């Protein structure tokens, strides 16, 4: 049982997954609970996508941080 729980929680170690979940949760809350405008929802999603792309760019830089050839 514990191994199943660990397997389910393993993706949460990734910053990209956590940002994606927070972005989707914020967008759903804005759509159904907070009564925000469509522009605000798109802003929330845009910021989330930007963060995910920034993290991916940072991760790619870590792998290629050796001396240039």
C-alpha atoms as a PDB file:
ATOM      1  CA  UNK A   1       0.000   0.000   0.000  1.00  0.00           C
ATOM      2  CA  UNK A   2       2.811   2.418   0.845  1.00  0.00           C
ATOM      3  CA  UNK A   3       4.582   1.661  -2.441  1.00  0.00           C
ATOM      4  CA  UNK A   4       1.425   2.549  -4.372  1.00  0.00           C
ATOM      5  CA  UNK A   5       1.168   5.847  -2.503  1.00  0.00           C
ATOM      6  CA  UNK A   6       4.831   6.614  -3.206  1.00  0.00           C
ATOM      7  CA  UNK A   7       4.330   5.815  -6.881  1.00  0.00           C
ATOM      8  CA  UNK A   8       1.352   8.156  -7.047  1.00  0.00           C
ATOM      9  CA  UNK A   9       3.232  10.983  -5.299  1.00  0.00           C
ATOM     10  CA  UNK A  10       6.484  10.611  -7.274  1.00  0.00           C
ATOM     11  CA  UNK A  11       5.439  13.012 -10.079  1.00  0.00           C
ATOM     12  CA  UNK A  12       4.898  15.746  -7.477  1.00  0.00           C
ATOM     13  CA  UNK A  13       8.673  15.914  -7.017  1.00  0.00           C
ATOM     14  CA  UNK A  14       8.884  17.662 -10.385  1.00  0.00           C
ATOM     15  CA  UNK A  15       8.569  21.448 -10.289  1.00  0.00           C
ATOM     16  CA  UNK A  16       6.900  21.399 -13.708  1.00  0.00           C
ATOM     17  CA  UNK A  17       4.154  19.064 -12.481  1.00  0.00           C
ATOM     18  CA  UNK A  18       3.542  21.176  -9.376  1.00  0.00           C
ATOM     19  CA  UNK A  19       3.298  24.374 -11.447  1.00  0.00           C
ATOM     20  CA  UNK A  20       0.964  22.669 -13.924  1.00  0.00           C
ATOM     21  CA  UNK A  21      -1.323  21.438 -11.137  1.00  0.00           C
ATOM     22  CA  UNK A  22      -1.365  24.855  -9.474  1.00  0.00           C
ATOM     23  CA  UNK A  23      -2.137  26.536 -12.805  1.00  0.00           C
ATOM     24  CA  UNK A  24      -5.006  24.201 -13.624  1.00  0.00           C
ATOM     25  CA  UNK A  25      -6.396  24.471 -10.100  1.00  0.00           C
ATOM     26  CA  UNK A  26      -6.221  28.279 -10.180  1.00  0.00           C
ATOM     27  CA  UNK A  27      -7.896  28.387 -13.586  1.00  0.00           C
ATOM     28  CA  UNK A  28     -10.740  26.129 -12.427  1.00  0.00           C
ATOM     29  CA  UNK A  29     -11.218  28.157  -9.256  1.00  0.00           C
ATOM     30  CA  UNK A  30     -11.257  31.348 -11.280  1.00  0.00           C
ATOM     31  CA  UNK A  31     -13.732  29.901 -13.762  1.00  0.00           C
ATOM     32  CA  UNK A  32     -16.172  28.336 -11.315  1.00  0.00           C
ATOM     33  CA  UNK A  33     -15.626  29.970  -7.950  1.00  0.00           C
ATOM     34  CA  UNK A  34     -14.137  33.435  -8.134  1.00  0.00           C
ATOM     35  CA  UNK A  35     -16.095  34.867 -11.093  1.00  0.00           C
ATOM     36  CA  UNK A  36     -13.051  36.390 -12.780  1.00  0.00           C
ATOM     37  CA  UNK A  37     -12.974  37.694 -16.311  1.00  0.00           C
ATOM     38  CA  UNK A  38     -11.797  35.613 -19.232  1.00  0.00           C
ATOM     39  CA  UNK A  39      -8.681  37.776 -19.528  1.00  0.00           C
ATOM     40  CA  UNK A  40      -7.683  36.980 -15.945  1.00  0.00           C
ATOM     41  CA  UNK A  41      -8.076  33.235 -16.550  1.00  0.00           C
ATOM     42  CA  UNK A  42      -5.928  33.489 -19.657  1.00  0.00           C
ATOM     43  CA  UNK A  43      -3.353  35.449 -17.650  1.00  0.00           C
ATOM     44  CA  UNK A  44      -3.215  32.707 -15.014  1.00  0.00           C
ATOM     45  CA  UNK A  45      -2.735  30.052 -17.672  1.00  0.00           C
ATOM     46  CA  UNK A  46      -0.147  32.153 -19.504  1.00  0.00           C
ATOM     47  CA  UNK A  47       1.920  32.671 -16.361  1.00  0.00           C
ATOM     48  CA  UNK A  48       1.782  28.940 -15.622  1.00  0.00           C
ATOM     49  CA  UNK A  49       2.936  28.060 -19.124  1.00  0.00           C
ATOM     50  CA  UNK A  50       5.730  30.625 -18.892  1.00  0.00           C
ATOM     51  CA  UNK A  51       6.931  29.146 -15.612  1.00  0.00           C
ATOM     52  CA  UNK A  52       6.912  25.619 -17.035  1.00  0.00           C
ATOM     53  CA  UNK A  53       8.889  26.739 -20.094  1.00  0.00           C
ATOM     54  CA  UNK A  54      11.352  28.600 -17.874  1.00  0.00           C
ATOM     55  CA  UNK A  55      11.893  25.531 -15.707  1.00  0.00           C
ATOM     56  CA  UNK A  56      12.386  23.371 -18.808  1.00  0.00           C
ATOM     57  CA  UNK A  57      14.916  25.869 -20.170  1.00  0.00           C
ATOM     58  CA  UNK A  58      16.739  25.897 -16.832  1.00  0.00           C
ATOM     59  CA  UNK A  59      16.780  22.089 -16.701  1.00  0.00           C
ATOM     60  CA  UNK A  60      18.177  21.905 -20.233  1.00  0.00           C
ATOM     61  CA  UNK A  61      20.947  24.316 -19.250  1.00  0.00           C
ATOM     62  CA  UNK A  62      21.957  22.104 -16.329  1.00  0.00           C
ATOM     63  CA  UNK A  63      22.566  19.144 -18.623  1.00  0.00           C
ATOM     64  CA  UNK A  64      24.686  21.081 -21.085  1.00  0.00           C
ATOM     65  CA  UNK A  65      26.698  23.107 -18.567  1.00  0.00           C
ATOM     66  CA  UNK A  66      29.983  21.511 -19.575  1.00  0.00           C
ATOM     67  CA  UNK A  67      32.724  23.400 -21.412  1.00  0.00           C
ATOM     68  CA  UNK A  68      31.893  24.378 -25.006  1.00  0.00           C
ATOM     69  CA  UNK A  69      33.368  22.226 -27.764  1.00  0.00           C
END
